[in-house]
Amino acid sequence: MTDFIQKLLQEMPDFSHFLTIEELDTSSRELAAAYPHLVTLSTIGHSTEGHPILMLRIGNGQHRALFVGCPHPNEPIGALSLEYLSKKLCEDSALLEQMDYTFYIIKEIDVDGCRLNEGWYRGPFSPDRYIRSYYRPSMLEQVEWTFPYAYKTLSFSEPIPETVAFMRAIDEAKPHFLNSLHSSDQTGTFYYVSTPLPDALCQQIVKLTHDHQLPLMIGEPEAPFMPPIQPGFYQLPELSSMYDYYQSILPTGEDPAKAILMGAHPAIMLGHVTIPFA
């Protein structure tokens, strides 16, 4: 599988800027029109502001993969990656056949948040321009942390519209593999997985990282309930892990649910499906 990834990385163009929502949507519609035998384009839901959230279905392999870009709208590199991947899969029929996957691709799940970041998407790139046009939603408005969930005293049942669209995509794709594409500001490359990966596969992923001159983050995890599995790989936590951690550090009698105030991650919806995040 890493041979496929290496091929994709080697042939990726050198993008000069990020794409707007209108450009991404237009590109998806054009791709579906150009390859009607391979591509199905559907509206999987609508954003809080009413913008359609589009999903591409490419190929007809026996395995199913769901890719979701821009769960954090200040991290648009995932949308560009999926822009390239969707076109490459259509243009290279041999690659698509070899991979034997049906691909479900949502280039941008937080459409409204992306629009608020578009002031810096096209450059010129500078810290000042980035800061003035930067937007990242609060936890209660983040697509990946408002999935319905119940655990002990914690009960969350108010998914935002974008999360409802994500849930529909999972229901439709029933993926063997889900990758939600993030990016990192400064800490280096690292991966969250829902279940440990074979050592050989981890070594191949680390080699790909080094081959492209990316630093591997080997320090402490973002939170103590996300333990490292091995250098560069961390356990993607269930919300129950966060709850139990807060319960262990809060004064006796304090309700951990009041410290969390959000819903679950999509990993909860998929049980033991492996979910790498980079």
C-alpha atoms as a PDB file:
ATOM      1  CA  MET A   1       0.000   0.000   0.000  1.00  0.00           C
ATOM      2  CA  THR A   2       2.834   2.427   0.732  1.00  0.00           C
ATOM      3  CA  ASP A   3       3.984   1.997  -2.900  1.00  0.00           C
ATOM      4  CA  PHE A   4       0.665   3.546  -3.945  1.00  0.00           C
ATOM      5  CA  ILE A   5       1.128   6.361  -1.458  1.00  0.00           C
ATOM      6  CA  GLN A   6       4.681   7.001  -2.627  1.00  0.00           C
ATOM      7  CA  LYS A   7       3.465   7.209  -6.225  1.00  0.00           C
ATOM      8  CA  LEU A   8       0.739   9.656  -5.263  1.00  0.00           C
ATOM      9  CA  LEU A   9       3.156  11.844  -3.319  1.00  0.00           C
ATOM     10  CA  GLN A  10       5.740  11.910  -6.084  1.00  0.00           C
ATOM     11  CA  GLU A  11       3.178  13.072  -8.643  1.00  0.00           C
ATOM     12  CA  MET A  12       1.445  15.682  -6.482  1.00  0.00           C
ATOM     13  CA  PRO A  13       1.676  19.159  -8.021  1.00  0.00           C
ATOM     14  CA  ASP A  14       3.251  22.091  -6.209  1.00  0.00           C
ATOM     15  CA  PHE A  15       0.179  24.118  -5.245  1.00  0.00           C
ATOM     16  CA  SER A  16       0.812  27.841  -4.851  1.00  0.00           C
ATOM     17  CA  HIS A  17      -2.279  28.605  -2.787  1.00  0.00           C
ATOM     18  CA  PHE A  18      -5.317  27.048  -1.130  1.00  0.00           C
ATOM     19  CA  LEU A  19      -8.658  26.790  -2.907  1.00  0.00           C
ATOM     20  CA  THR A  20     -11.873  28.516  -1.915  1.00  0.00           C
ATOM     21  CA  ILE A  21     -15.100  26.639  -1.256  1.00  0.00           C
ATOM     22  CA  GLU A  22     -16.524  27.752  -4.601  1.00  0.00           C
ATOM     23  CA  GLU A  23     -13.429  26.525  -6.435  1.00  0.00           C
ATOM     24  CA  LEU A  24     -13.516  23.158  -4.668  1.00  0.00           C
ATOM     25  CA  ASP A  25     -17.240  22.681  -5.308  1.00  0.00           C
ATOM     26  CA  THR A  26     -16.880  23.671  -8.957  1.00  0.00           C
ATOM     27  CA  SER A  27     -13.986  21.243  -9.379  1.00  0.00           C
ATOM     28  CA  SER A  28     -16.038  18.393  -7.859  1.00  0.00           C
ATOM     29  CA  ARG A  29     -18.963  19.076 -10.194  1.00  0.00           C
ATOM     30  CA  GLU A  30     -16.644  19.201 -13.207  1.00  0.00           C
ATOM     31  CA  LEU A  31     -14.997  15.909 -12.181  1.00  0.00           C
ATOM     32  CA  ALA A  32     -18.371  14.171 -11.891  1.00  0.00           C
ATOM     33  CA  ALA A  33     -19.365  15.485 -15.327  1.00  0.00           C
ATOM     34  CA  ALA A  34     -16.067  14.400 -16.925  1.00  0.00           C
ATOM     35  CA  TYR A  35     -16.076  10.861 -15.450  1.00  0.00           C
ATOM     36  CA  PRO A  36     -19.739   9.831 -15.099  1.00  0.00           C
ATOM     37  CA  HIS A  37     -18.795   6.130 -15.230  1.00  0.00           C
ATOM     38  CA  LEU A  38     -16.494   6.509 -12.201  1.00  0.00           C
ATOM     39  CA  VAL A  39     -17.817   9.407 -10.144  1.00  0.00           C
ATOM     40  CA  THR A  40     -21.042  10.075  -8.297  1.00  0.00           C
ATOM     41  CA  LEU A  41     -21.496  13.477  -6.666  1.00  0.00           C
ATOM     42  CA  SER A  42     -24.043  13.874  -3.891  1.00  0.00           C
ATOM     43  CA  THR A  43     -25.047  16.448  -1.305  1.00  0.00           C
ATOM     44  CA  ILE A  44     -24.498  14.717   2.028  1.00  0.00           C
ATOM     45  CA  GLY A  45     -25.902  17.597   4.077  1.00  0.00           C
ATOM     46  CA  HIS A  46     -25.876  21.346   4.542  1.00  0.00           C
ATOM     47  CA  SER A  47     -23.781  23.604   6.735  1.00  0.00           C
ATOM     48  CA  THR A  48     -25.152  25.709   9.556  1.00  0.00           C
ATOM     49  CA  GLU A  49     -25.377  28.604   7.076  1.00  0.00           C
ATOM     50  CA  GLY A  50     -27.118  26.404   4.491  1.00  0.00           C
ATOM     51  CA  HIS A  51     -24.256  25.696   2.070  1.00  0.00           C
ATOM     52  CA  PRO A  52     -24.314  22.208   0.506  1.00  0.00           C
ATOM     53  CA  ILE A  53     -21.685  19.756   1.724  1.00  0.00           C
ATOM     54  CA  LEU A  54     -20.627  17.673  -1.278  1.00  0.00           C
ATOM     55  CA  MET A  55     -19.307  14.104  -1.314  1.00  0.00           C
ATOM     56  CA  LEU A  56     -17.617  12.352  -4.223  1.00  0.00           C
ATOM     57  CA  ARG A  57     -17.912   8.600  -4.663  1.00  0.00           C
ATOM     58  CA  ILE A  58     -15.145   7.277  -6.924  1.00  0.00           C
ATOM     59  CA  GLY A  59     -14.684   3.726  -8.180  1.00  0.00           C
ATOM     60  CA  ASN A  60     -16.273   0.462  -7.184  1.00  0.00           C
ATOM     61  CA  GLY A  61     -13.668  -1.495  -5.249  1.00  0.00           C
ATOM     62  CA  GLN A  62     -14.552  -4.107  -2.665  1.00  0.00           C
ATOM     63  CA  HIS A  63     -13.035  -2.046   0.174  1.00  0.00           C
ATOM     64  CA  ARG A  64     -14.367   1.344   1.213  1.00  0.00           C
ATOM     65  CA  ALA A  65     -12.435   4.425   2.328  1.00  0.00           C
ATOM     66  CA  LEU A  66     -13.852   7.705   3.592  1.00  0.00           C
ATOM     67  CA  PHE A  67     -11.670  10.828   3.467  1.00  0.00           C
ATOM     68  CA  VAL A  68     -12.829  14.051   5.120  1.00  0.00           C
ATOM     69  CA  GLY A  69     -11.062  17.372   4.663  1.00  0.00           C
ATOM     70  CA  CYS A  70     -11.149  20.521   6.798  1.00  0.00           C
ATOM     71  CA  PRO A  71     -12.600  19.241  10.076  1.00  0.00           C
ATOM     72  CA  HIS A  72     -10.638  22.248  11.348  1.00  0.00           C
ATOM     73  CA  PRO A  73     -11.149  25.055   8.810  1.00  0.00           C
ATOM     74  CA  ASN A  74      -7.767  26.636   9.555  1.00  0.00           C
ATOM     75  CA  GLU A  75      -6.155  23.430   8.219  1.00  0.00           C
ATOM     76  CA  PRO A  76      -6.977  23.535   4.484  1.00  0.00           C
ATOM     77  CA  ILE A  77      -4.085  21.332   3.347  1.00  0.00           C
ATOM     78  CA  GLY A  78      -6.442  18.354   3.540  1.00  0.00           C
ATOM     79  CA  ALA A  79      -8.793  19.889   0.991  1.00  0.00           C
ATOM     80  CA  LEU A  80      -5.898  20.368  -1.443  1.00  0.00           C
ATOM     81  CA  SER A  81      -4.767  16.786  -0.874  1.00  0.00           C
ATOM     82  CA  LEU A  82      -8.261  15.527  -1.655  1.00  0.00           C
ATOM     83  CA  GLU A  83      -8.543  17.826  -4.666  1.00  0.00           C
ATOM     84  CA  TYR A  84      -5.463  16.115  -6.074  1.00  0.00           C
ATOM     85  CA  LEU A  85      -6.426  12.592  -4.963  1.00  0.00           C
ATOM     86  CA  SER A  86      -9.899  12.743  -6.490  1.00  0.00           C
ATOM     87  CA  LYS A  87      -8.538  13.799  -9.878  1.00  0.00           C
ATOM     88  CA  LYS A  88      -5.664  11.322  -9.773  1.00  0.00           C
ATOM     89  CA  LEU A  89      -7.986   8.391  -9.077  1.00  0.00           C
ATOM     90  CA  CYS A  90     -10.051   9.279 -12.135  1.00  0.00           C
ATOM     91  CA  GLU A  91      -7.112   9.940 -14.446  1.00  0.00           C
ATOM     92  CA  ASP A  92      -5.169   6.800 -13.470  1.00  0.00           C
ATOM     93  CA  SER A  93      -7.594   3.903 -13.910  1.00  0.00           C
ATOM     94  CA  ALA A  94      -4.838   1.318 -13.317  1.00  0.00           C
ATOM     95  CA  LEU A  95      -4.064   2.840  -9.909  1.00  0.00           C
ATOM     96  CA  LEU A  96      -7.733   2.870  -8.947  1.00  0.00           C
ATOM     97  CA  GLU A  97      -8.133  -0.765  -9.989  1.00  0.00           C
ATOM     98  CA  GLN A  98      -4.997  -1.888  -8.139  1.00  0.00           C
ATOM     99  CA  MET A  99      -6.085  -0.248  -4.907  1.00  0.00           C
ATOM    100  CA  ASP A 100      -9.472  -2.001  -5.069  1.00  0.00           C
ATOM    101  CA  TYR A 101     -11.204   0.673  -3.004  1.00  0.00           C
ATOM    102  CA  THR A 102     -14.375   2.657  -3.382  1.00  0.00           C
ATOM    103  CA  PHE A 103     -13.428   6.176  -2.309  1.00  0.00           C
ATOM    104  CA  TYR A 104     -15.819   8.537  -0.558  1.00  0.00           C
ATOM    105  CA  ILE A 105     -14.362  12.037  -0.454  1.00  0.00           C
ATOM    106  CA  ILE A 106     -15.612  15.159   1.314  1.00  0.00           C
ATOM    107  CA  LYS A 107     -13.116  17.890   0.490  1.00  0.00           C
ATOM    108  CA  GLU A 108     -14.374  20.326   3.108  1.00  0.00           C
ATOM    109  CA  ILE A 109     -16.724  19.362   5.938  1.00  0.00           C
ATOM    110  CA  ASP A 110     -16.660  22.699   7.834  1.00  0.00           C
ATOM    111  CA  VAL A 111     -17.750  24.815   4.893  1.00  0.00           C
ATOM    112  CA  ASP A 112     -18.729  27.898   6.900  1.00  0.00           C
ATOM    113  CA  GLY A 113     -15.478  27.858   8.866  1.00  0.00           C
ATOM    114  CA  CYS A 114     -13.472  27.579   5.648  1.00  0.00           C
ATOM    115  CA  ARG A 115     -15.211  30.649   4.249  1.00  0.00           C
ATOM    116  CA  LEU A 116     -14.119  32.608   7.324  1.00  0.00           C
ATOM    117  CA  ASN A 117     -10.490  31.589   6.670  1.00  0.00           C
ATOM    118  CA  GLU A 118     -10.484  32.385   2.953  1.00  0.00           C
ATOM    119  CA  GLY A 119      -8.874  35.783   3.590  1.00  0.00           C
ATOM    120  CA  TRP A 120      -5.492  34.044   3.900  1.00  0.00           C
ATOM    121  CA  TYR A 121      -6.072  30.986   1.672  1.00  0.00           C
ATOM    122  CA  ARG A 122      -4.815  32.603  -1.529  1.00  0.00           C
ATOM    123  CA  GLY A 123      -1.923  34.589  -0.065  1.00  0.00           C
ATOM    124  CA  PRO A 124       0.307  36.448  -0.071  1.00  0.00           C
ATOM    125  CA  PHE A 125       1.218  34.461   3.010  1.00  0.00           C
ATOM    126  CA  SER A 126       2.386  36.337   6.077  1.00  0.00           C
ATOM    127  CA  PRO A 127       1.850  36.033   9.849  1.00  0.00           C
ATOM    128  CA  ASP A 128      -0.152  39.270   9.823  1.00  0.00           C
ATOM    129  CA  ARG A 129      -2.505  38.132   7.055  1.00  0.00           C
ATOM    130  CA  TYR A 130      -2.915  34.716   8.678  1.00  0.00           C
ATOM    131  CA  ILE A 131      -3.754  36.120  12.109  1.00  0.00           C
ATOM    132  CA  ARG A 132      -6.208  38.713  10.764  1.00  0.00           C
ATOM    133  CA  SER A 133      -8.149  36.105   8.752  1.00  0.00           C
ATOM    134  CA  TYR A 134      -7.753  33.121  11.107  1.00  0.00           C
ATOM    135  CA  TYR A 135     -10.846  31.331  12.382  1.00  0.00           C
ATOM    136  CA  ARG A 136     -11.187  28.140  14.397  1.00  0.00           C
ATOM    137  CA  PRO A 137     -14.489  27.210  16.051  1.00  0.00           C
ATOM    138  CA  SER A 138     -14.994  26.433  19.712  1.00  0.00           C
ATOM    139  CA  MET A 139     -15.196  22.775  20.712  1.00  0.00           C
ATOM    140  CA  LEU A 140     -19.007  22.853  20.750  1.00  0.00           C
ATOM    141  CA  GLU A 141     -18.947  24.026  17.121  1.00  0.00           C
ATOM    142  CA  GLN A 142     -16.346  21.554  15.851  1.00  0.00           C
ATOM    143  CA  VAL A 143     -17.486  18.867  13.445  1.00  0.00           C
ATOM    144  CA  GLU A 144     -15.485  16.063  15.022  1.00  0.00           C
ATOM    145  CA  TRP A 145     -16.429  16.726  18.638  1.00  0.00           C
ATOM    146  CA  THR A 146     -20.210  16.940  18.479  1.00  0.00           C
ATOM    147  CA  PHE A 147     -21.154  13.340  17.725  1.00  0.00           C
ATOM    148  CA  PRO A 148     -23.909  12.004  20.038  1.00  0.00           C
ATOM    149  CA  TYR A 149     -22.532  10.162  23.046  1.00  0.00           C
ATOM    150  CA  ALA A 150     -23.526   8.942  26.494  1.00  0.00           C
ATOM    151  CA  TYR A 151     -21.206   7.738  29.267  1.00  0.00           C
ATOM    152  CA  LYS A 152     -21.907   7.743  32.984  1.00  0.00           C
ATOM    153  CA  THR A 153     -23.134  11.286  33.767  1.00  0.00           C
ATOM    154  CA  LEU A 154     -22.176  12.616  30.322  1.00  0.00           C
ATOM    155  CA  SER A 155     -24.933  12.830  27.722  1.00  0.00           C
ATOM    156  CA  PHE A 156     -24.590  14.740  24.461  1.00  0.00           C
ATOM    157  CA  SER A 157     -27.250  14.634  21.741  1.00  0.00           C
ATOM    158  CA  GLU A 158     -26.992  17.915  19.841  1.00  0.00           C
ATOM    159  CA  PRO A 159     -24.808  17.339  16.752  1.00  0.00           C
ATOM    160  CA  ILE A 160     -24.299  20.400  14.585  1.00  0.00           C
ATOM    161  CA  PRO A 161     -25.464  20.155  10.930  1.00  0.00           C
ATOM    162  CA  GLU A 162     -21.949  19.466   9.698  1.00  0.00           C
ATOM    163  CA  THR A 163     -21.642  16.547  12.124  1.00  0.00           C
ATOM    164  CA  VAL A 164     -24.983  15.193  10.926  1.00  0.00           C
ATOM    165  CA  ALA A 165     -23.549  15.251   7.388  1.00  0.00           C
ATOM    166  CA  PHE A 166     -20.449  13.394   8.630  1.00  0.00           C
ATOM    167  CA  MET A 167     -22.697  10.785  10.260  1.00  0.00           C
ATOM    168  CA  ARG A 168     -24.619  10.325   7.009  1.00  0.00           C
ATOM    169  CA  ALA A 169     -21.342   9.846   5.149  1.00  0.00           C
ATOM    170  CA  ILE A 170     -20.307   7.127   7.604  1.00  0.00           C
ATOM    171  CA  ASP A 171     -23.688   5.433   7.270  1.00  0.00           C
ATOM    172  CA  GLU A 172     -23.473   5.500   3.476  1.00  0.00           C
ATOM    173  CA  ALA A 173     -19.821   4.545   3.091  1.00  0.00           C
ATOM    174  CA  LYS A 174     -19.597   2.028   5.958  1.00  0.00           C
ATOM    175  CA  PRO A 175     -15.828   2.522   5.641  1.00  0.00           C
ATOM    176  CA  HIS A 176     -13.122   0.001   6.344  1.00  0.00           C
ATOM    177  CA  PHE A 177     -10.787   2.992   6.569  1.00  0.00           C
ATOM    178  CA  LEU A 178     -11.482   6.582   7.636  1.00  0.00           C
ATOM    179  CA  ASN A 179      -8.983   9.401   7.415  1.00  0.00           C
ATOM    180  CA  SER A 180      -9.881  12.858   8.650  1.00  0.00           C
ATOM    181  CA  LEU A 181      -7.213  15.186   7.291  1.00  0.00           C
ATOM    182  CA  HIS A 182      -5.625  17.633   9.708  1.00  0.00           C
ATOM    183  CA  SER A 183      -2.378  19.558   9.685  1.00  0.00           C
ATOM    184  CA  SER A 184       0.070  20.681  12.332  1.00  0.00           C
ATOM    185  CA  ASP A 185       1.324  24.226  12.912  1.00  0.00           C
ATOM    186  CA  GLN A 186       4.729  23.508  14.442  1.00  0.00           C
ATOM    187  CA  THR A 187       5.038  20.239  16.351  1.00  0.00           C
ATOM    188  CA  GLY A 188       5.996  17.938  13.498  1.00  0.00           C
ATOM    189  CA  THR A 189       4.213  14.991  11.912  1.00  0.00           C
ATOM    190  CA  PHE A 190       2.309  12.562  14.094  1.00  0.00           C
ATOM    191  CA  TYR A 191      -0.513  10.056  13.744  1.00  0.00           C
ATOM    192  CA  TYR A 192      -3.557   9.226  15.827  1.00  0.00           C
ATOM    193  CA  VAL A 193      -4.872   5.693  15.402  1.00  0.00           C
ATOM    194  CA  SER A 194      -7.942   4.080  16.895  1.00  0.00           C
ATOM    195  CA  THR A 195      -6.142   0.729  17.178  1.00  0.00           C
ATOM    196  CA  PRO A 196      -2.394  -0.048  17.111  1.00  0.00           C
ATOM    197  CA  LEU A 197      -0.955  -0.690  13.663  1.00  0.00           C
ATOM    198  CA  PRO A 198       1.471  -3.509  12.792  1.00  0.00           C
ATOM    199  CA  ASP A 199       5.074  -2.505  13.436  1.00  0.00           C
ATOM    200  CA  ALA A 200       6.016  -3.042   9.799  1.00  0.00           C
ATOM    201  CA  LEU A 201       3.302  -0.649   8.626  1.00  0.00           C
ATOM    202  CA  CYS A 202       4.349   1.971  11.201  1.00  0.00           C
ATOM    203  CA  GLN A 203       7.929   1.711   9.955  1.00  0.00           C
ATOM    204  CA  GLN A 204       6.782   2.247   6.367  1.00  0.00           C
ATOM    205  CA  ILE A 205       4.756   5.311   7.381  1.00  0.00           C
ATOM    206  CA  VAL A 206       7.695   6.755   9.312  1.00  0.00           C
ATOM    207  CA  LYS A 207       9.955   6.155   6.298  1.00  0.00           C
ATOM    208  CA  LEU A 208       7.521   8.056   4.070  1.00  0.00           C
ATOM    209  CA  THR A 209       7.593  10.889   6.586  1.00  0.00           C
ATOM    210  CA  HIS A 210      11.400  11.027   6.622  1.00  0.00           C
ATOM    211  CA  ASP A 211      11.648  10.619   2.841  1.00  0.00           C
ATOM    212  CA  HIS A 212       9.696  13.842   2.438  1.00  0.00           C
ATOM    213  CA  GLN A 213      11.888  15.645   4.964  1.00  0.00           C
ATOM    214  CA  LEU A 214       9.150  16.067   7.543  1.00  0.00           C
ATOM    215  CA  PRO A 215      10.073  15.977  11.239  1.00  0.00           C
ATOM    216  CA  LEU A 216       8.444  13.270  13.322  1.00  0.00           C
ATOM    217  CA  MET A 217       6.963  14.407  16.619  1.00  0.00           C
ATOM    218  CA  ILE A 218       8.204  12.092  19.350  1.00  0.00           C
ATOM    219  CA  GLY A 219       7.357  14.153  22.421  1.00  0.00           C
ATOM    220  CA  GLU A 220       4.459  14.115  24.834  1.00  0.00           C
ATOM    221  CA  PRO A 221       0.901  13.743  23.495  1.00  0.00           C
ATOM    222  CA  GLU A 222      -1.537  16.643  23.314  1.00  0.00           C
ATOM    223  CA  ALA A 223      -3.311  15.348  26.404  1.00  0.00           C
ATOM    224  CA  PRO A 224      -2.487  12.721  29.061  1.00  0.00           C
ATOM    225  CA  PHE A 225      -5.399  10.520  27.976  1.00  0.00           C
ATOM    226  CA  MET A 226      -3.867  10.130  24.488  1.00  0.00           C
ATOM    227  CA  PRO A 227      -0.946   7.800  25.313  1.00  0.00           C
ATOM    228  CA  PRO A 228       1.884   7.203  22.825  1.00  0.00           C
ATOM    229  CA  ILE A 229       1.843   3.798  21.151  1.00  0.00           C
ATOM    230  CA  GLN A 230       5.313   4.218  19.678  1.00  0.00           C
ATOM    231  CA  PRO A 231       7.290   7.268  18.474  1.00  0.00           C
ATOM    232  CA  GLY A 232       5.037   9.423  16.321  1.00  0.00           C
ATOM    233  CA  PHE A 233       1.880   7.360  16.933  1.00  0.00           C
ATOM    234  CA  TYR A 234      -0.712   8.126  19.603  1.00  0.00           C
ATOM    235  CA  GLN A 235      -3.910   6.500  20.804  1.00  0.00           C
ATOM    236  CA  LEU A 236      -6.987   8.324  19.559  1.00  0.00           C
ATOM    237  CA  PRO A 237      -9.070   8.518  22.741  1.00  0.00           C
ATOM    238  CA  GLU A 238     -12.673   7.708  23.276  1.00  0.00           C
ATOM    239  CA  LEU A 239     -14.577  10.349  25.182  1.00  0.00           C
ATOM    240  CA  SER A 240     -14.809   7.870  28.032  1.00  0.00           C
ATOM    241  CA  SER A 241     -11.010   8.147  28.439  1.00  0.00           C
ATOM    242  CA  MET A 242     -11.292  11.904  28.812  1.00  0.00           C
ATOM    243  CA  TYR A 243     -14.135  11.491  31.290  1.00  0.00           C
ATOM    244  CA  ASP A 244     -12.205   8.971  33.386  1.00  0.00           C
ATOM    245  CA  TYR A 245      -9.125  11.187  33.392  1.00  0.00           C
ATOM    246  CA  TYR A 246     -11.059  14.207  34.639  1.00  0.00           C
ATOM    247  CA  GLN A 247     -12.740  12.022  37.219  1.00  0.00           C
ATOM    248  CA  SER A 248      -9.305  10.990  38.513  1.00  0.00           C
ATOM    249  CA  ILE A 249      -8.027  14.562  38.958  1.00  0.00           C
ATOM    250  CA  LEU A 250     -11.128  16.522  39.981  1.00  0.00           C
ATOM    251  CA  PRO A 251     -12.043  16.920  43.667  1.00  0.00           C
ATOM    252  CA  THR A 252     -14.306  14.171  44.975  1.00  0.00           C
ATOM    253  CA  GLY A 253     -17.905  14.786  44.058  1.00  0.00           C
ATOM    254  CA  GLU A 254     -17.296  17.078  41.072  1.00  0.00           C
ATOM    255  CA  ASP A 255     -18.984  15.946  37.882  1.00  0.00           C
ATOM    256  CA  PRO A 256     -16.491  15.353  35.000  1.00  0.00           C
ATOM    257  CA  ALA A 257     -19.275  15.934  32.485  1.00  0.00           C
ATOM    258  CA  LYS A 258     -19.328  19.624  33.448  1.00  0.00           C
ATOM    259  CA  ALA A 259     -15.660  19.919  32.486  1.00  0.00           C
ATOM    260  CA  ILE A 260     -16.131  18.291  29.070  1.00  0.00           C
ATOM    261  CA  LEU A 261     -19.179  20.037  27.575  1.00  0.00           C
ATOM    262  CA  MET A 262     -18.944  18.435  24.131  1.00  0.00           C
ATOM    263  CA  GLY A 263     -19.776  15.308  22.222  1.00  0.00           C
ATOM    264  CA  ALA A 264     -17.866  12.350  20.861  1.00  0.00           C
ATOM    265  CA  HIS A 265     -15.342  11.889  18.077  1.00  0.00           C
ATOM    266  CA  PRO A 266     -16.253   9.938  14.884  1.00  0.00           C
ATOM    267  CA  ALA A 267     -14.002   7.100  16.078  1.00  0.00           C
ATOM    268  CA  ILE A 268     -16.789   6.266  18.525  1.00  0.00           C
ATOM    269  CA  MET A 269     -19.172   5.710  15.631  1.00  0.00           C
ATOM    270  CA  LEU A 270     -16.862   3.210  13.970  1.00  0.00           C
ATOM    271  CA  GLY A 271     -15.811   0.922  16.781  1.00  0.00           C
ATOM    272  CA  HIS A 272     -12.417  -0.526  15.880  1.00  0.00           C
ATOM    273  CA  VAL A 273     -12.006   0.896  12.386  1.00  0.00           C
ATOM    274  CA  THR A 274      -8.451   2.206  12.109  1.00  0.00           C
ATOM    275  CA  ILE A 275      -8.420   5.978  11.820  1.00  0.00           C
ATOM    276  CA  PRO A 276      -5.017   7.543  11.124  1.00  0.00           C
ATOM    277  CA  PHE A 277      -4.652  11.290  11.524  1.00  0.00           C
ATOM    278  CA  ALA A 278      -1.610  13.130  10.225  1.00  0.00           C
END
